[in-house]
Amino acid sequence: MGISIVIMVKCTIFEHQITLIYLLTTNHVIMNDISEILRALLDQLARPSEVEREFTHMMNNDQQLKEDYELWCEEMGYDVRTGYQDFIDEQMQDRDEFWEELAE
């Protein structure tokens, strides 16, 4: 039987505090909270194109983030090439639907 430890690290990205979550097992480390990182970037930058650009930049500079992103895509059912874009599109659609419901 393996040992698992969850580590939560709070940090600030563009004035938004986010929590990076790592699951340590005897086999490997799993996952920054990619969903939370993308939401925080979207809250700060507002434009999907800017979020995509910043997230790509972050992955190019952080191999662990890139590996976690690939695992996140696999677990969430996204294609690695378009996963973050698809997630951002879904978030934008959810926000639009929220405001439309409020307007009714």
C-alpha atoms as a PDB file:
ATOM      1  CA  MET A   1       0.000   0.000   0.000  1.00  0.00           C
ATOM      2  CA  GLY A   2       1.309   3.447  -0.926  1.00  0.00           C
ATOM      3  CA  ILE A   3       1.431   6.624   1.058  1.00  0.00           C
ATOM      4  CA  SER A   4      -0.338   9.741  -0.209  1.00  0.00           C
ATOM      5  CA  ILE A   5       0.121  13.305   1.000  1.00  0.00           C
ATOM      6  CA  VAL A   6      -1.754  16.362  -0.259  1.00  0.00           C
ATOM      7  CA  ILE A   7       0.186  19.628  -0.282  1.00  0.00           C
ATOM      8  CA  MET A   8      -1.634  22.910  -0.803  1.00  0.00           C
ATOM      9  CA  VAL A   9       0.447  25.969  -1.657  1.00  0.00           C
ATOM     10  CA  LYS A  10      -1.173  29.388  -1.758  1.00  0.00           C
ATOM     11  CA  CYS A  11       0.372  31.861  -4.180  1.00  0.00           C
ATOM     12  CA  THR A  12      -0.571  35.016  -6.010  1.00  0.00           C
ATOM     13  CA  ILE A  13      -0.841  35.338  -9.781  1.00  0.00           C
ATOM     14  CA  PHE A  14      -1.783  38.754 -11.117  1.00  0.00           C
ATOM     15  CA  GLU A  15      -3.055  39.862  -7.713  1.00  0.00           C
ATOM     16  CA  HIS A  16      -5.308  36.781  -7.396  1.00  0.00           C
ATOM     17  CA  GLN A  17      -4.546  34.281  -4.725  1.00  0.00           C
ATOM     18  CA  ILE A  18      -4.805  30.707  -5.950  1.00  0.00           C
ATOM     19  CA  THR A  19      -4.077  27.378  -4.382  1.00  0.00           C
ATOM     20  CA  LEU A  20      -1.773  24.959  -6.107  1.00  0.00           C
ATOM     21  CA  ILE A  21      -2.543  21.416  -5.050  1.00  0.00           C
ATOM     22  CA  TYR A  22      -0.049  18.603  -5.279  1.00  0.00           C
ATOM     23  CA  LEU A  23      -0.823  14.989  -4.514  1.00  0.00           C
ATOM     24  CA  LEU A  24       2.330  13.170  -3.505  1.00  0.00           C
ATOM     25  CA  THR A  25       2.231   9.412  -3.697  1.00  0.00           C
ATOM     26  CA  THR A  26       4.950   6.839  -3.432  1.00  0.00           C
ATOM     27  CA  ASN A  27       4.838   6.690  -7.236  1.00  0.00           C
ATOM     28  CA  HIS A  28       4.711  10.293  -8.485  1.00  0.00           C
ATOM     29  CA  VAL A  29       3.478  13.853  -7.983  1.00  0.00           C
ATOM     30  CA  ILE A  30       0.130  14.714  -9.509  1.00  0.00           C
ATOM     31  CA  MET A  31      -1.171  18.053 -10.525  1.00  0.00           C
ATOM     32  CA  ASN A  32      -1.183  21.720 -10.005  1.00  0.00           C
ATOM     33  CA  ASP A  33      -4.828  22.733  -9.899  1.00  0.00           C
ATOM     34  CA  ILE A  34      -4.977  23.598 -13.603  1.00  0.00           C
ATOM     35  CA  SER A  35      -8.671  24.515 -13.466  1.00  0.00           C
ATOM     36  CA  GLU A  36      -8.032  27.010 -10.682  1.00  0.00           C
ATOM     37  CA  ILE A  37      -5.003  28.490 -12.452  1.00  0.00           C
ATOM     38  CA  LEU A  38      -7.009  29.006 -15.639  1.00  0.00           C
ATOM     39  CA  ARG A  39      -9.941  30.542 -13.721  1.00  0.00           C
ATOM     40  CA  ALA A  40      -7.602  32.928 -11.893  1.00  0.00           C
ATOM     41  CA  LEU A  41      -5.987  33.986 -15.154  1.00  0.00           C
ATOM     42  CA  LEU A  42      -9.392  34.503 -16.732  1.00  0.00           C
ATOM     43  CA  ASP A  43     -10.550  36.599 -13.767  1.00  0.00           C
ATOM     44  CA  GLN A  44      -7.462  38.784 -14.018  1.00  0.00           C
ATOM     45  CA  LEU A  45      -6.978  39.046 -17.765  1.00  0.00           C
ATOM     46  CA  ALA A  46     -10.618  38.744 -18.896  1.00  0.00           C
ATOM     47  CA  ARG A  47      -9.757  38.081 -22.548  1.00  0.00           C
ATOM     48  CA  PRO A  48      -9.415  34.408 -23.555  1.00  0.00           C
ATOM     49  CA  SER A  49      -6.606  35.217 -25.990  1.00  0.00           C
ATOM     50  CA  GLU A  50      -4.565  36.807 -23.189  1.00  0.00           C
ATOM     51  CA  VAL A  51      -5.226  33.841 -20.885  1.00  0.00           C
ATOM     52  CA  GLU A  52      -4.089  31.430 -23.595  1.00  0.00           C
ATOM     53  CA  ARG A  53      -0.941  33.449 -24.203  1.00  0.00           C
ATOM     54  CA  GLU A  54      -0.069  33.691 -20.490  1.00  0.00           C
ATOM     55  CA  PHE A  55      -0.825  30.035 -19.766  1.00  0.00           C
ATOM     56  CA  THR A  56       1.298  28.931 -22.717  1.00  0.00           C
ATOM     57  CA  HIS A  57       4.114  31.148 -21.439  1.00  0.00           C
ATOM     58  CA  MET A  58       3.777  29.641 -17.958  1.00  0.00           C
ATOM     59  CA  MET A  59       3.954  26.084 -19.321  1.00  0.00           C
ATOM     60  CA  ASN A  60       6.973  26.913 -21.466  1.00  0.00           C
ATOM     61  CA  ASN A  61       8.776  28.041 -18.312  1.00  0.00           C
ATOM     62  CA  ASP A  62       7.633  25.296 -15.939  1.00  0.00           C
ATOM     63  CA  GLN A  63       8.071  21.661 -16.948  1.00  0.00           C
ATOM     64  CA  GLN A  64       6.105  20.406 -13.913  1.00  0.00           C
ATOM     65  CA  LEU A  65       3.154  22.612 -14.843  1.00  0.00           C
ATOM     66  CA  LYS A  66       3.295  21.262 -18.390  1.00  0.00           C
ATOM     67  CA  GLU A  67       3.320  17.662 -17.146  1.00  0.00           C
ATOM     68  CA  ASP A  68       0.469  18.405 -14.743  1.00  0.00           C
ATOM     69  CA  TYR A  69      -1.468  20.030 -17.573  1.00  0.00           C
ATOM     70  CA  GLU A  70      -1.070  16.914 -19.729  1.00  0.00           C
ATOM     71  CA  LEU A  71      -2.330  14.737 -16.866  1.00  0.00           C
ATOM     72  CA  TRP A  72      -5.207  17.164 -16.234  1.00  0.00           C
ATOM     73  CA  CYS A  73      -6.213  16.933 -19.900  1.00  0.00           C
ATOM     74  CA  GLU A  74      -6.210  13.156 -19.705  1.00  0.00           C
ATOM     75  CA  GLU A  75      -8.277  13.126 -16.501  1.00  0.00           C
ATOM     76  CA  MET A  76     -10.737  15.767 -17.727  1.00  0.00           C
ATOM     77  CA  GLY A  77     -11.112  14.317 -21.223  1.00  0.00           C
ATOM     78  CA  TYR A  78      -9.512  17.242 -23.065  1.00  0.00           C
ATOM     79  CA  ASP A  79      -7.121  17.059 -25.993  1.00  0.00           C
ATOM     80  CA  VAL A  80      -3.658  18.257 -24.923  1.00  0.00           C
ATOM     81  CA  ARG A  81      -3.407  20.637 -27.877  1.00  0.00           C
ATOM     82  CA  THR A  82      -6.680  22.426 -27.153  1.00  0.00           C
ATOM     83  CA  GLY A  83      -7.606  21.529 -23.557  1.00  0.00           C
ATOM     84  CA  TYR A  84      -6.957  24.891 -21.968  1.00  0.00           C
ATOM     85  CA  GLN A  85      -8.709  26.668 -24.830  1.00  0.00           C
ATOM     86  CA  ASP A  86     -11.733  24.379 -24.510  1.00  0.00           C
ATOM     87  CA  PHE A  87     -11.833  24.923 -20.744  1.00  0.00           C
ATOM     88  CA  ILE A  88     -11.630  28.708 -21.156  1.00  0.00           C
ATOM     89  CA  ASP A  89     -14.416  28.615 -23.751  1.00  0.00           C
ATOM     90  CA  GLU A  90     -16.589  26.616 -21.338  1.00  0.00           C
ATOM     91  CA  GLN A  91     -15.891  29.105 -18.540  1.00  0.00           C
ATOM     92  CA  MET A  92     -16.788  32.042 -20.793  1.00  0.00           C
ATOM     93  CA  GLN A  93     -20.006  30.313 -21.867  1.00  0.00           C
ATOM     94  CA  ASP A  94     -20.915  29.639 -18.214  1.00  0.00           C
ATOM     95  CA  ARG A  95     -20.332  33.295 -17.377  1.00  0.00           C
ATOM     96  CA  ASP A  96     -22.432  34.450 -20.323  1.00  0.00           C
ATOM     97  CA  GLU A  97     -25.274  32.125 -19.291  1.00  0.00           C
ATOM     98  CA  PHE A  98     -25.077  33.418 -15.724  1.00  0.00           C
ATOM     99  CA  TRP A  99     -25.490  37.039 -16.851  1.00  0.00           C
ATOM    100  CA  GLU A 100     -28.274  36.109 -19.275  1.00  0.00           C
ATOM    101  CA  GLU A 101     -30.183  34.388 -16.459  1.00  0.00           C
ATOM    102  CA  LEU A 102     -29.789  37.460 -14.252  1.00  0.00           C
ATOM    103  CA  ALA A 103     -31.127  39.673 -17.017  1.00  0.00           C
ATOM    104  CA  GLU A 104     -34.332  37.650 -17.353  1.00  0.00           C
END
